[in-house]
Amino acid sequence: QVQLVESGGGLVQAGGSLRLSCVASGSSFISIKMGWYRQAPGKQRELVAVVTGGGSTYYADSVKGRFTISGDNAKNMVYLQMNSLKPEDTAVYYCNAALKISSGSNVGPVHDYWGQGTQVTVSS
């Protein structure tokens, strides 16, 4: 019903910056929250940042002050601006969204969606 596609990953040197993008397409929806997760090789998936429908934002301690999550409602997109990147930021980054599918005046229940992931590699 809804597809999430991430882009913007790549290889950068420590101290550099990247901007990840996530676009939601398909059925019309109401966004409840959208966020970014990451998973490094051999590590558990962890929450990086999330923004709620009310505009509240949350960040993992490891990225606070360096990463910024933002959205563009007109384009159905969410971004993650990553500055001062460190080698430990190397991971596959996944876009996640909790959405309600809408059809006319009808709004469905909340469903969770995931993108395919985009690789971020930070070299020292």
N, C-alpha and C. Protein backbone atom coordinates (compact mmCIF):
# COMPACT_ATOMS: atom_id res chain seq x y z
N GLN A 1 0.82 -1.20 0.00
CA GLN A 1 0.00 0.00 0.00
C GLN A 1 0.86 1.26 0.00
N VAL A 2 1.92 1.25 0.79
CA VAL A 2 2.85 2.36 0.85
C VAL A 2 4.26 1.80 0.75
N GLN A 3 5.07 2.45 -0.06
CA GLN A 3 6.46 2.07 -0.20
C GLN A 3 7.36 3.19 0.30
N LEU A 4 8.41 2.82 1.01
CA LEU A 4 9.40 3.76 1.48
C LEU A 4 10.72 3.46 0.78
N VAL A 5 11.34 4.48 0.22
CA VAL A 5 12.59 4.31 -0.48
C VAL A 5 13.60 5.30 0.04
N GLU A 6 14.73 4.79 0.55
CA GLU A 6 15.80 5.64 1.05
C GLU A 6 16.82 5.90 -0.03
N SER A 7 17.51 7.02 0.09
CA SER A 7 18.59 7.35 -0.80
C SER A 7 19.54 8.31 -0.09
N GLY A 8 20.69 8.53 -0.67
CA GLY A 8 21.64 9.49 -0.13
C GLY A 8 22.82 8.89 0.60
N GLY A 9 22.83 7.58 0.76
CA GLY A 9 23.96 6.95 1.42
C GLY A 9 25.18 6.97 0.53
N GLY A 10 26.31 6.61 1.12
CA GLY A 10 27.54 6.60 0.37
C GLY A 10 28.74 6.46 1.27
N LEU A 11 29.91 6.69 0.68
CA LEU A 11 31.17 6.61 1.39
C LEU A 11 31.71 8.01 1.64
N VAL A 12 31.98 8.33 2.90
CA VAL A 12 32.52 9.63 3.26
C VAL A 12 33.62 9.46 4.28
N GLN A 13 34.46 10.47 4.40
CA GLN A 13 35.51 10.46 5.40
C GLN A 13 34.97 10.97 6.73
N ALA A 14 35.61 10.55 7.80
CA ALA A 14 35.24 11.03 9.12
C ALA A 14 35.22 12.56 9.14
N GLY A 15 34.19 13.11 9.76
CA GLY A 15 34.03 14.55 9.82
C GLY A 15 33.17 15.10 8.71
N GLY A 16 32.86 14.28 7.72
CA GLY A 16 32.05 14.71 6.60
C GLY A 16 30.57 14.66 6.90
N SER A 17 29.78 14.95 5.88
CA SER A 17 28.33 15.01 6.03
C SER A 17 27.63 14.26 4.92
N LEU A 18 26.45 13.76 5.23
CA LEU A 18 25.56 13.15 4.26
C LEU A 18 24.14 13.53 4.61
N ARG A 19 23.29 13.56 3.61
CA ARG A 19 21.87 13.81 3.82
C ARG A 19 21.08 12.66 3.24
N LEU A 20 20.43 11.90 4.11
CA LEU A 20 19.60 10.79 3.68
C LEU A 20 18.18 11.27 3.42
N SER A 21 17.55 10.69 2.42
CA SER A 21 16.18 11.03 2.08
C SER A 21 15.33 9.78 2.07
N CYS A 22 14.08 9.92 2.45
CA CYS A 22 13.12 8.84 2.41
C CYS A 22 11.83 9.38 1.83
N VAL A 23 11.37 8.77 0.75
CA VAL A 23 10.13 9.19 0.12
C VAL A 23 9.08 8.10 0.28
N ALA A 24 7.89 8.49 0.67
CA ALA A 24 6.77 7.58 0.81
C ALA A 24 5.85 7.74 -0.38
N SER A 25 5.48 6.63 -1.00
CA SER A 25 4.61 6.68 -2.16
C SER A 25 3.60 5.55 -2.12
N GLY A 26 2.56 5.67 -2.93
CA GLY A 26 1.51 4.67 -2.98
C GLY A 26 0.19 5.26 -2.54
N SER A 27 -0.46 4.59 -1.62
CA SER A 27 -1.76 5.05 -1.13
C SER A 27 -1.63 6.35 -0.35
N SER A 28 -2.71 7.09 -0.33
CA SER A 28 -2.74 8.28 0.51
C SER A 28 -2.67 7.86 1.97
N PHE A 29 -2.04 8.67 2.78
CA PHE A 29 -1.86 8.29 4.17
C PHE A 29 -1.77 9.51 5.07
N ILE A 30 -1.96 9.23 6.35
CA ILE A 30 -1.73 10.21 7.40
C ILE A 30 -0.54 9.72 8.19
N SER A 31 0.46 10.55 8.30
CA SER A 31 1.68 10.17 8.99
C SER A 31 1.52 10.33 10.50
N ILE A 32 1.82 9.26 11.22
CA ILE A 32 1.79 9.30 12.67
C ILE A 32 3.19 9.62 13.20
N LYS A 33 4.17 8.90 12.68
CA LYS A 33 5.56 9.18 12.99
C LYS A 33 6.45 8.57 11.91
N MET A 34 7.60 9.16 11.71
CA MET A 34 8.59 8.63 10.79
C MET A 34 9.96 8.74 11.44
N GLY A 35 10.79 7.76 11.16
CA GLY A 35 12.09 7.78 11.78
C GLY A 35 13.14 7.03 10.99
N TRP A 36 14.33 7.07 11.52
CA TRP A 36 15.46 6.39 10.92
C TRP A 36 16.07 5.43 11.92
N TYR A 37 16.34 4.21 11.46
CA TYR A 37 17.05 3.20 12.21
C TYR A 37 18.33 2.86 11.47
N ARG A 38 19.26 2.23 12.16
CA ARG A 38 20.46 1.77 11.49
C ARG A 38 20.89 0.44 12.08
N GLN A 39 21.59 -0.33 11.27
CA GLN A 39 22.11 -1.60 11.71
C GLN A 39 23.50 -1.81 11.15
N ALA A 40 24.46 -1.92 12.04
CA ALA A 40 25.84 -2.18 11.65
C ALA A 40 26.06 -3.68 11.60
N PRO A 41 27.06 -4.14 10.85
CA PRO A 41 27.33 -5.57 10.76
C PRO A 41 27.54 -6.20 12.13
N GLY A 42 26.81 -7.27 12.41
CA GLY A 42 26.94 -7.96 13.67
C GLY A 42 26.31 -7.26 14.86
N LYS A 43 25.61 -6.17 14.62
CA LYS A 43 25.00 -5.40 15.69
C LYS A 43 23.48 -5.40 15.56
N GLN A 44 22.82 -5.07 16.67
CA GLN A 44 21.37 -4.96 16.65
C GLN A 44 20.94 -3.67 15.98
N ARG A 45 19.75 -3.70 15.41
CA ARG A 45 19.18 -2.49 14.84
C ARG A 45 18.87 -1.50 15.95
N GLU A 46 19.17 -0.25 15.73
CA GLU A 46 18.94 0.77 16.74
C GLU A 46 18.24 1.99 16.15
N LEU A 47 17.45 2.62 16.98
CA LEU A 47 16.79 3.85 16.58
C LEU A 47 17.81 4.98 16.52
N VAL A 48 17.77 5.74 15.44
CA VAL A 48 18.65 6.88 15.27
C VAL A 48 17.91 8.17 15.59
N ALA A 49 16.77 8.36 14.96
CA ALA A 49 15.98 9.58 15.16
C ALA A 49 14.55 9.32 14.75
N VAL A 50 13.62 10.05 15.34
CA VAL A 50 12.22 9.92 15.00
C VAL A 50 11.53 11.26 15.14
N VAL A 51 10.56 11.53 14.28
CA VAL A 51 9.74 12.72 14.38
C VAL A 51 8.28 12.28 14.39
N THR A 52 7.51 12.79 15.32
CA THR A 52 6.10 12.42 15.44
C THR A 52 5.23 13.38 14.65
N GLY A 53 3.96 13.01 14.50
CA GLY A 53 3.03 13.88 13.82
C GLY A 53 2.85 15.21 14.51
N GLY A 54 3.10 15.24 15.81
CA GLY A 54 3.01 16.47 16.56
C GLY A 54 4.26 17.32 16.49
N GLY A 55 5.28 16.82 15.80
CA GLY A 55 6.50 17.59 15.62
C GLY A 55 7.59 17.32 16.63
N SER A 56 7.35 16.42 17.57
CA SER A 56 8.38 16.08 18.54
C SER A 56 9.46 15.25 17.89
N THR A 57 10.69 15.50 18.25
CA THR A 57 11.82 14.75 17.71
C THR A 57 12.59 14.09 18.83
N TYR A 58 13.19 12.94 18.51
CA TYR A 58 13.99 12.19 19.46
C TYR A 58 15.23 11.69 18.75
N TYR A 59 16.33 11.66 19.46
CA TYR A 59 17.59 11.23 18.89
C TYR A 59 18.30 10.27 19.83
N ALA A 60 18.98 9.31 19.25
CA ALA A 60 19.85 8.46 20.03
C ALA A 60 20.98 9.31 20.60
N ASP A 61 21.42 8.97 21.80
CA ASP A 61 22.49 9.73 22.43
C ASP A 61 23.74 9.79 21.55
N SER A 62 23.99 8.74 20.81
CA SER A 62 25.19 8.66 20.00
C SER A 62 25.20 9.65 18.83
N VAL A 63 24.03 10.16 18.44
CA VAL A 63 23.96 11.06 17.29
C VAL A 63 23.45 12.44 17.67
N LYS A 64 23.01 12.62 18.89
CA LYS A 64 22.45 13.90 19.31
C LYS A 64 23.47 15.01 19.13
N GLY A 65 23.03 16.10 18.53
CA GLY A 65 23.90 17.22 18.26
C GLY A 65 24.60 17.15 16.93
N ARG A 66 24.58 15.98 16.29
CA ARG A 66 25.22 15.80 14.99
C ARG A 66 24.21 15.55 13.88
N PHE A 67 23.13 14.84 14.19
CA PHE A 67 22.12 14.49 13.19
C PHE A 67 20.86 15.31 13.41
N THR A 68 20.14 15.59 12.33
CA THR A 68 18.88 16.31 12.41
C THR A 68 17.86 15.64 11.50
N ILE A 69 16.70 15.33 12.05
CA ILE A 69 15.62 14.76 11.26
C ILE A 69 14.63 15.86 10.91
N SER A 70 14.13 15.83 9.69
CA SER A 70 13.18 16.83 9.24
C SER A 70 12.28 16.23 8.17
N GLY A 71 11.19 16.92 7.88
CA GLY A 71 10.25 16.42 6.90
C GLY A 71 9.78 17.49 5.94
N ASP A 72 9.25 17.04 4.81
CA ASP A 72 8.66 17.90 3.81
C ASP A 72 7.32 17.27 3.46
N ASN A 73 6.26 17.76 4.08
CA ASN A 73 4.94 17.16 3.88
C ASN A 73 4.46 17.22 2.43
N ALA A 74 4.78 18.30 1.74
CA ALA A 74 4.33 18.46 0.36
C ALA A 74 4.92 17.39 -0.55
N LYS A 75 6.11 16.92 -0.22
CA LYS A 75 6.79 15.91 -1.03
C LYS A 75 6.72 14.51 -0.43
N ASN A 76 6.05 14.37 0.71
CA ASN A 76 5.98 13.09 1.42
C ASN A 76 7.38 12.53 1.66
N MET A 77 8.24 13.38 2.15
CA MET A 77 9.62 12.97 2.38
C MET A 77 10.09 13.29 3.78
N VAL A 78 11.02 12.50 4.24
CA VAL A 78 11.69 12.71 5.51
C VAL A 78 13.18 12.65 5.26
N TYR A 79 13.92 13.49 5.96
CA TYR A 79 15.36 13.59 5.74
C TYR A 79 16.11 13.34 7.03
N LEU A 80 17.34 12.94 6.88
CA LEU A 80 18.26 12.83 8.01
C LEU A 80 19.56 13.50 7.60
N GLN A 81 19.80 14.69 8.15
CA GLN A 81 21.05 15.39 7.90
C GLN A 81 22.07 14.89 8.90
N MET A 82 23.16 14.34 8.41
CA MET A 82 24.19 13.76 9.25
C MET A 82 25.47 14.56 9.09
N ASN A 83 25.89 15.20 10.16
CA ASN A 83 27.12 15.98 10.17
C ASN A 83 28.12 15.36 11.12
N SER A 84 29.37 15.77 10.97
CA SER A 84 30.45 15.28 11.83
C SER A 84 30.43 13.76 11.95
N LEU A 85 30.34 13.11 10.81
CA LEU A 85 30.23 11.66 10.79
C LEU A 85 31.47 10.99 11.36
N LYS A 86 31.23 9.88 12.03
CA LYS A 86 32.28 9.09 12.65
C LYS A 86 32.27 7.68 12.07
N PRO A 87 33.39 6.98 12.12
CA PRO A 87 33.41 5.60 11.62
C PRO A 87 32.34 4.72 12.26
N GLU A 88 32.03 4.95 13.52
CA GLU A 88 31.02 4.15 14.19
C GLU A 88 29.60 4.42 13.69
N ASP A 89 29.43 5.43 12.84
CA ASP A 89 28.14 5.67 12.20
C ASP A 89 27.92 4.74 11.01
N THR A 90 28.93 4.01 10.61
CA THR A 90 28.82 3.09 9.49
C THR A 90 27.75 2.05 9.75
N ALA A 91 26.78 1.97 8.85
CA ALA A 91 25.66 1.05 9.01
C ALA A 91 24.75 1.16 7.81
N VAL A 92 23.80 0.25 7.72
CA VAL A 92 22.70 0.39 6.79
C VAL A 92 21.61 1.17 7.51
N TYR A 93 21.17 2.25 6.91
CA TYR A 93 20.15 3.10 7.50
C TYR A 93 18.80 2.82 6.86
N TYR A 94 17.80 2.62 7.71
CA TYR A 94 16.46 2.26 7.27
C TYR A 94 15.45 3.34 7.65
N CYS A 95 14.60 3.68 6.72
CA CYS A 95 13.48 4.57 6.99
C CYS A 95 12.32 3.74 7.54
N ASN A 96 11.68 4.24 8.56
CA ASN A 96 10.54 3.57 9.18
C ASN A 96 9.40 4.56 9.34
N ALA A 97 8.18 4.09 9.10
CA ALA A 97 7.03 4.98 9.22
C ALA A 97 5.84 4.24 9.80
N ALA A 98 5.12 4.91 10.67
CA ALA A 98 3.84 4.45 11.16
C ALA A 98 2.79 5.33 10.51
N LEU A 99 1.95 4.73 9.67
CA LEU A 99 1.02 5.48 8.84
C LEU A 99 -0.39 4.93 8.94
N LYS A 100 -1.35 5.80 8.70
CA LYS A 100 -2.74 5.42 8.55
C LYS A 100 -3.13 5.64 7.10
N ILE A 101 -3.56 4.57 6.42
CA ILE A 101 -3.99 4.69 5.04
C ILE A 101 -5.35 5.37 5.00
N SER A 102 -5.48 6.34 4.11
CA SER A 102 -6.74 7.06 3.98
C SER A 102 -7.35 6.84 2.60
N SER A 103 -8.68 6.79 2.56
CA SER A 103 -9.43 6.65 1.32
C SER A 103 -10.70 7.47 1.45
N GLY A 104 -10.74 8.58 0.74
CA GLY A 104 -11.85 9.50 0.91
C GLY A 104 -11.87 10.02 2.32
N SER A 105 -12.99 9.87 2.97
CA SER A 105 -13.11 10.30 4.36
C SER A 105 -12.75 9.19 5.35
N ASN A 106 -12.45 8.00 4.83
CA ASN A 106 -12.12 6.87 5.70
C ASN A 106 -10.63 6.81 5.99
N VAL A 107 -10.32 6.53 7.23
CA VAL A 107 -8.94 6.39 7.66
C VAL A 107 -8.76 5.03 8.32
N GLY A 108 -7.79 4.26 7.86
CA GLY A 108 -7.56 2.94 8.38
C GLY A 108 -6.71 2.95 9.63
N PRO A 109 -6.40 1.76 10.14
CA PRO A 109 -5.58 1.65 11.34
C PRO A 109 -4.12 1.95 11.03
N VAL A 110 -3.34 2.08 12.09
CA VAL A 110 -1.92 2.36 11.94
C VAL A 110 -1.19 1.11 11.47
N HIS A 111 -0.31 1.27 10.48
CA HIS A 111 0.54 0.19 10.01
C HIS A 111 1.98 0.68 9.97
N ASP A 112 2.89 -0.26 10.14
CA ASP A 112 4.31 0.03 10.16
C ASP A 112 4.95 -0.33 8.83
N TYR A 113 5.76 0.56 8.28
CA TYR A 113 6.41 0.34 6.99
C TYR A 113 7.90 0.57 7.11
N TRP A 114 8.65 -0.16 6.28
CA TRP A 114 10.10 -0.06 6.27
C TRP A 114 10.62 0.10 4.85
N GLY A 115 11.67 0.88 4.71
CA GLY A 115 12.36 0.99 3.45
C GLY A 115 13.37 -0.12 3.29
N GLN A 116 14.05 -0.15 2.15
CA GLN A 116 15.00 -1.22 1.86
C GLN A 116 16.38 -0.98 2.46
N GLY A 117 16.64 0.23 2.88
CA GLY A 117 17.91 0.56 3.49
C GLY A 117 18.89 1.20 2.52
N THR A 118 19.74 2.04 3.04
CA THR A 118 20.80 2.65 2.26
C THR A 118 22.09 2.60 3.07
N GLN A 119 23.18 2.23 2.42
CA GLN A 119 24.45 2.02 3.11
C GLN A 119 25.17 3.34 3.34
N VAL A 120 25.62 3.54 4.57
CA VAL A 120 26.47 4.67 4.92
C VAL A 120 27.78 4.11 5.45
N THR A 121 28.87 4.49 4.83
CA THR A 121 30.19 4.04 5.26
C THR A 121 31.06 5.26 5.53
N VAL A 122 31.61 5.31 6.73
CA VAL A 122 32.46 6.43 7.13
C VAL A 122 33.86 5.90 7.38
N SER A 123 34.82 6.39 6.64
CA SER A 123 36.20 5.95 6.76
C SER A 123 36.97 6.90 7.66
N SER A 124 38.02 6.38 8.28
CA SER A 124 38.87 7.20 9.14
C SER A 124 40.11 7.66 8.42
